[in-house]
Amino acid sequence: MKTIASKEEFDEILATSADRVVIVMYTASWCRPCIPVMPIFKDMERDHPNAILNIVDVVQSEDLAAENEVAGLPTVQFFKDGKKIHEVIGHNIQKLVDAFKKYAP
């Protein structure tokens, strides 16, 4: 799992992902609702090896969060072929698990 620090890095990951799903969790150290989601997100990397999981700290990468219209934390976005295909906002673990099953089988 990689922490994305810049728009250039984000764009490169999307461009080189081939046919894999790129999944990005937007979080911050002060985000209390992010705490229970983070271990689930990390477990998904093991359970979904064909997906490319990444983390964006919105404090360090405000511009990237703004560009991707992150409105709340945590936000998990799913990308395929460089385009956003799904988004889960908030700490709803079941919605996150269901999204992984659907978009990153």
N, C-alpha and C. Protein backbone atom coordinates (compact mmCIF):
# COMPACT_ATOMS: atom_id res chain seq x y z
N MET A 1 0.84 -1.17 0.00
CA MET A 1 0.00 0.00 0.00
C MET A 1 0.89 1.23 0.00
N LYS A 2 0.52 2.16 -0.85
CA LYS A 2 1.34 3.34 -1.05
C LYS A 2 0.60 4.58 -0.57
N THR A 3 1.34 5.51 0.01
CA THR A 3 0.79 6.81 0.35
C THR A 3 1.11 7.76 -0.79
N ILE A 4 0.08 8.31 -1.39
CA ILE A 4 0.24 9.22 -2.52
C ILE A 4 0.43 10.63 -1.99
N ALA A 5 1.48 11.29 -2.45
CA ALA A 5 1.82 12.61 -1.92
C ALA A 5 1.57 13.75 -2.91
N SER A 6 1.31 13.43 -4.18
CA SER A 6 1.15 14.51 -5.16
C SER A 6 0.21 14.09 -6.28
N LYS A 7 -0.28 15.09 -7.00
CA LYS A 7 -1.15 14.83 -8.15
C LYS A 7 -0.40 14.05 -9.23
N GLU A 8 0.86 14.38 -9.42
CA GLU A 8 1.66 13.68 -10.42
C GLU A 8 1.76 12.19 -10.09
N GLU A 9 1.99 11.90 -8.84
CA GLU A 9 2.08 10.50 -8.39
C GLU A 9 0.73 9.80 -8.59
N PHE A 10 -0.36 10.48 -8.24
CA PHE A 10 -1.70 9.95 -8.42
C PHE A 10 -1.96 9.64 -9.90
N ASP A 11 -1.67 10.62 -10.76
CA ASP A 11 -1.88 10.44 -12.20
C ASP A 11 -1.06 9.28 -12.75
N GLU A 12 0.16 9.13 -12.27
CA GLU A 12 1.02 8.04 -12.74
C GLU A 12 0.45 6.68 -12.32
N ILE A 13 -0.05 6.59 -11.12
CA ILE A 13 -0.65 5.33 -10.66
C ILE A 13 -1.85 4.97 -11.53
N LEU A 14 -2.71 5.95 -11.80
CA LEU A 14 -3.86 5.67 -12.66
C LEU A 14 -3.42 5.28 -14.07
N ALA A 15 -2.41 5.95 -14.60
CA ALA A 15 -1.96 5.69 -15.97
C ALA A 15 -1.30 4.33 -16.13
N THR A 16 -0.68 3.84 -15.08
CA THR A 16 0.06 2.58 -15.18
C THR A 16 -0.67 1.40 -14.56
N SER A 17 -1.93 1.58 -14.21
CA SER A 17 -2.67 0.51 -13.53
C SER A 17 -3.19 -0.56 -14.48
N ALA A 18 -3.05 -0.34 -15.78
CA ALA A 18 -3.54 -1.28 -16.80
C ALA A 18 -5.01 -1.57 -16.55
N ASP A 19 -5.37 -2.83 -16.40
CA ASP A 19 -6.78 -3.16 -16.22
C ASP A 19 -7.15 -3.39 -14.75
N ARG A 20 -6.27 -3.00 -13.85
CA ARG A 20 -6.52 -3.18 -12.42
C ARG A 20 -7.33 -2.01 -11.85
N VAL A 21 -8.07 -2.28 -10.80
CA VAL A 21 -8.82 -1.24 -10.11
C VAL A 21 -7.88 -0.55 -9.12
N VAL A 22 -7.89 0.78 -9.13
CA VAL A 22 -7.11 1.58 -8.19
C VAL A 22 -8.08 2.08 -7.12
N ILE A 23 -7.73 1.84 -5.88
CA ILE A 23 -8.60 2.23 -4.77
C ILE A 23 -7.82 3.17 -3.86
N VAL A 24 -8.43 4.31 -3.56
CA VAL A 24 -7.75 5.35 -2.79
C VAL A 24 -8.59 5.70 -1.57
N MET A 25 -7.96 5.62 -0.39
CA MET A 25 -8.61 6.05 0.84
C MET A 25 -8.05 7.41 1.24
N TYR A 26 -8.94 8.39 1.38
CA TYR A 26 -8.57 9.72 1.84
C TYR A 26 -8.81 9.77 3.34
N THR A 27 -7.80 10.19 4.07
CA THR A 27 -7.85 10.17 5.52
C THR A 27 -7.02 11.32 6.09
N ALA A 28 -7.02 11.43 7.40
CA ALA A 28 -6.18 12.42 8.10
C ALA A 28 -5.92 11.90 9.50
N SER A 29 -4.82 12.30 10.08
CA SER A 29 -4.46 11.81 11.42
C SER A 29 -5.49 12.22 12.47
N TRP A 30 -6.18 13.33 12.27
CA TRP A 30 -7.17 13.80 13.23
C TRP A 30 -8.56 13.20 13.01
N CYS A 31 -8.73 12.38 11.99
CA CYS A 31 -10.04 11.83 11.61
C CYS A 31 -10.40 10.62 12.48
N ARG A 32 -11.25 10.83 13.46
CA ARG A 32 -11.64 9.73 14.35
C ARG A 32 -12.47 8.65 13.63
N PRO A 33 -13.39 9.00 12.72
CA PRO A 33 -14.13 7.96 12.00
C PRO A 33 -13.24 7.10 11.09
N CYS A 34 -12.05 7.62 10.75
CA CYS A 34 -11.13 6.86 9.90
C CYS A 34 -10.48 5.70 10.66
N ILE A 35 -10.39 5.81 11.97
CA ILE A 35 -9.66 4.82 12.78
C ILE A 35 -10.20 3.41 12.59
N PRO A 36 -11.52 3.16 12.69
CA PRO A 36 -11.99 1.78 12.50
C PRO A 36 -11.95 1.30 11.05
N VAL A 37 -11.91 2.24 10.12
CA VAL A 37 -11.91 1.87 8.69
C VAL A 37 -10.51 1.44 8.23
N MET A 38 -9.47 2.05 8.76
CA MET A 38 -8.11 1.80 8.29
C MET A 38 -7.70 0.32 8.35
N PRO A 39 -7.92 -0.41 9.45
CA PRO A 39 -7.51 -1.83 9.43
C PRO A 39 -8.29 -2.66 8.42
N ILE A 40 -9.55 -2.33 8.22
CA ILE A 40 -10.36 -3.04 7.22
C ILE A 40 -9.79 -2.77 5.83
N PHE A 41 -9.47 -1.51 5.56
CA PHE A 41 -8.90 -1.13 4.27
C PHE A 41 -7.58 -1.87 4.04
N LYS A 42 -6.74 -1.93 5.05
CA LYS A 42 -5.46 -2.63 4.92
C LYS A 42 -5.66 -4.12 4.68
N ASP A 43 -6.65 -4.72 5.34
CA ASP A 43 -6.95 -6.14 5.12
C ASP A 43 -7.41 -6.40 3.69
N MET A 44 -8.08 -5.43 3.09
CA MET A 44 -8.58 -5.59 1.73
C MET A 44 -7.43 -5.76 0.73
N GLU A 45 -6.28 -5.21 1.05
CA GLU A 45 -5.14 -5.38 0.16
C GLU A 45 -4.76 -6.86 0.05
N ARG A 46 -4.82 -7.55 1.16
CA ARG A 46 -4.52 -8.98 1.18
C ARG A 46 -5.63 -9.78 0.47
N ASP A 47 -6.88 -9.39 0.72
CA ASP A 47 -8.02 -10.12 0.19
C ASP A 47 -8.31 -9.83 -1.28
N HIS A 48 -7.77 -8.73 -1.80
CA HIS A 48 -8.02 -8.32 -3.19
C HIS A 48 -6.69 -7.98 -3.86
N PRO A 49 -5.87 -8.99 -4.14
CA PRO A 49 -4.51 -8.74 -4.64
C PRO A 49 -4.45 -8.10 -6.02
N ASN A 50 -5.53 -8.13 -6.78
CA ASN A 50 -5.50 -7.51 -8.10
C ASN A 50 -5.80 -6.02 -8.06
N ALA A 51 -6.23 -5.53 -6.91
CA ALA A 51 -6.50 -4.10 -6.76
C ALA A 51 -5.22 -3.39 -6.31
N ILE A 52 -5.13 -2.11 -6.63
CA ILE A 52 -3.99 -1.29 -6.22
C ILE A 52 -4.52 -0.32 -5.16
N LEU A 53 -4.15 -0.55 -3.91
CA LEU A 53 -4.64 0.28 -2.81
C LEU A 53 -3.65 1.37 -2.46
N ASN A 54 -4.20 2.55 -2.18
CA ASN A 54 -3.39 3.72 -1.86
C ASN A 54 -4.07 4.55 -0.78
N ILE A 55 -3.28 5.38 -0.13
CA ILE A 55 -3.79 6.28 0.89
C ILE A 55 -3.38 7.71 0.53
N VAL A 56 -4.29 8.65 0.77
CA VAL A 56 -3.97 10.07 0.61
C VAL A 56 -4.29 10.75 1.94
N ASP A 57 -3.30 11.41 2.51
CA ASP A 57 -3.49 12.23 3.70
C ASP A 57 -3.95 13.60 3.21
N VAL A 58 -5.19 13.97 3.54
CA VAL A 58 -5.76 15.20 3.00
C VAL A 58 -5.09 16.45 3.55
N VAL A 59 -4.42 16.34 4.66
CA VAL A 59 -3.68 17.49 5.20
C VAL A 59 -2.45 17.75 4.35
N GLN A 60 -1.75 16.70 3.98
CA GLN A 60 -0.54 16.83 3.17
C GLN A 60 -0.84 17.02 1.69
N SER A 61 -2.01 16.58 1.25
CA SER A 61 -2.36 16.64 -0.18
C SER A 61 -3.74 17.26 -0.37
N GLU A 62 -3.91 18.45 0.15
CA GLU A 62 -5.19 19.15 0.06
C GLU A 62 -5.66 19.30 -1.39
N ASP A 63 -4.72 19.63 -2.28
CA ASP A 63 -5.08 19.86 -3.67
C ASP A 63 -5.62 18.59 -4.33
N LEU A 64 -5.04 17.46 -4.01
CA LEU A 64 -5.49 16.19 -4.58
C LEU A 64 -6.88 15.84 -4.06
N ALA A 65 -7.11 16.04 -2.78
CA ALA A 65 -8.43 15.79 -2.20
C ALA A 65 -9.48 16.72 -2.82
N ALA A 66 -9.12 17.98 -3.01
CA ALA A 66 -10.05 18.93 -3.62
C ALA A 66 -10.36 18.56 -5.06
N GLU A 67 -9.32 18.21 -5.80
CA GLU A 67 -9.52 17.84 -7.21
C GLU A 67 -10.44 16.64 -7.36
N ASN A 68 -10.36 15.70 -6.41
CA ASN A 68 -11.19 14.49 -6.47
C ASN A 68 -12.49 14.64 -5.67
N GLU A 69 -12.79 15.89 -5.31
CA GLU A 69 -14.07 16.26 -4.68
C GLU A 69 -14.37 15.45 -3.42
N VAL A 70 -13.36 15.32 -2.57
CA VAL A 70 -13.54 14.63 -1.30
C VAL A 70 -14.30 15.57 -0.37
N ALA A 71 -15.50 15.13 0.04
CA ALA A 71 -16.37 15.99 0.83
C ALA A 71 -16.43 15.58 2.31
N GLY A 72 -15.94 14.40 2.63
CA GLY A 72 -15.97 13.93 4.01
C GLY A 72 -14.93 12.85 4.20
N LEU A 73 -14.63 12.56 5.45
CA LEU A 73 -13.63 11.54 5.75
C LEU A 73 -14.23 10.46 6.64
N PRO A 74 -13.82 9.24 6.45
CA PRO A 74 -12.98 8.79 5.34
C PRO A 74 -13.78 8.72 4.04
N THR A 75 -13.09 8.88 2.94
CA THR A 75 -13.65 8.66 1.61
C THR A 75 -12.77 7.64 0.91
N VAL A 76 -13.41 6.64 0.32
CA VAL A 76 -12.69 5.63 -0.47
C VAL A 76 -13.24 5.69 -1.89
N GLN A 77 -12.34 5.96 -2.83
CA GLN A 77 -12.73 6.06 -4.23
C GLN A 77 -12.13 4.91 -5.03
N PHE A 78 -12.92 4.40 -5.97
CA PHE A 78 -12.52 3.30 -6.84
C PHE A 78 -12.38 3.85 -8.26
N PHE A 79 -11.25 3.55 -8.91
CA PHE A 79 -10.96 4.03 -10.25
C PHE A 79 -10.69 2.85 -11.18
N LYS A 80 -11.18 2.94 -12.39
CA LYS A 80 -10.90 1.93 -13.42
C LYS A 80 -10.65 2.67 -14.72
N ASP A 81 -9.59 2.33 -15.41
CA ASP A 81 -9.24 2.99 -16.67
C ASP A 81 -9.14 4.51 -16.50
N GLY A 82 -8.63 4.93 -15.34
CA GLY A 82 -8.40 6.35 -15.08
C GLY A 82 -9.61 7.14 -14.67
N LYS A 83 -10.78 6.50 -14.54
CA LYS A 83 -12.00 7.20 -14.20
C LYS A 83 -12.59 6.68 -12.89
N LYS A 84 -13.16 7.58 -12.10
CA LYS A 84 -13.80 7.18 -10.86
C LYS A 84 -15.07 6.41 -11.18
N ILE A 85 -15.19 5.20 -10.60
CA ILE A 85 -16.35 4.37 -10.86
C ILE A 85 -17.24 4.19 -9.62
N HIS A 86 -16.70 4.50 -8.44
CA HIS A 86 -17.50 4.34 -7.23
C HIS A 86 -16.82 5.10 -6.09
N GLU A 87 -17.63 5.39 -5.07
CA GLU A 87 -17.12 6.12 -3.91
C GLU A 87 -17.91 5.71 -2.68
N VAL A 88 -17.21 5.53 -1.57
CA VAL A 88 -17.84 5.28 -0.28
C VAL A 88 -17.38 6.39 0.66
N ILE A 89 -18.35 7.12 1.21
CA ILE A 89 -18.03 8.22 2.12
C ILE A 89 -18.51 7.84 3.52
N GLY A 90 -17.64 8.06 4.50
CA GLY A 90 -18.00 7.77 5.87
C GLY A 90 -17.45 6.44 6.34
N HIS A 91 -17.79 6.09 7.55
CA HIS A 91 -17.21 4.89 8.15
C HIS A 91 -18.16 3.70 8.13
N ASN A 92 -18.90 3.54 7.05
CA ASN A 92 -19.80 2.41 6.89
C ASN A 92 -19.00 1.22 6.36
N ILE A 93 -18.60 0.36 7.28
CA ILE A 93 -17.74 -0.78 6.94
C ILE A 93 -18.43 -1.71 5.93
N GLN A 94 -19.72 -1.97 6.12
CA GLN A 94 -20.42 -2.89 5.22
C GLN A 94 -20.46 -2.36 3.79
N LYS A 95 -20.70 -1.06 3.62
CA LYS A 95 -20.68 -0.48 2.27
C LYS A 95 -19.30 -0.62 1.64
N LEU A 96 -18.27 -0.45 2.45
CA LEU A 96 -16.91 -0.58 1.94
C LEU A 96 -16.62 -2.02 1.50
N VAL A 97 -16.98 -2.97 2.33
CA VAL A 97 -16.77 -4.38 2.00
C VAL A 97 -17.56 -4.75 0.74
N ASP A 98 -18.80 -4.29 0.65
CA ASP A 98 -19.62 -4.58 -0.53
C ASP A 98 -19.01 -3.96 -1.79
N ALA A 99 -18.47 -2.76 -1.67
CA ALA A 99 -17.85 -2.10 -2.83
C ALA A 99 -16.61 -2.87 -3.29
N PHE A 100 -15.81 -3.36 -2.36
CA PHE A 100 -14.64 -4.17 -2.74
C PHE A 100 -15.10 -5.43 -3.47
N LYS A 101 -16.13 -6.08 -2.99
CA LYS A 101 -16.62 -7.30 -3.64
C LYS A 101 -17.11 -7.01 -5.04
N LYS A 102 -17.77 -5.88 -5.23
CA LYS A 102 -18.34 -5.56 -6.53
C LYS A 102 -17.30 -5.04 -7.53
N TYR A 103 -16.42 -4.14 -7.08
CA TYR A 103 -15.52 -3.46 -8.00
C TYR A 103 -14.10 -4.02 -8.05
N ALA A 104 -13.73 -4.83 -7.07
CA ALA A 104 -12.39 -5.42 -7.05
C ALA A 104 -12.47 -6.88 -6.65
N PRO A 105 -13.23 -7.66 -7.43
CA PRO A 105 -13.44 -9.08 -7.05
C PRO A 105 -12.16 -9.90 -7.05
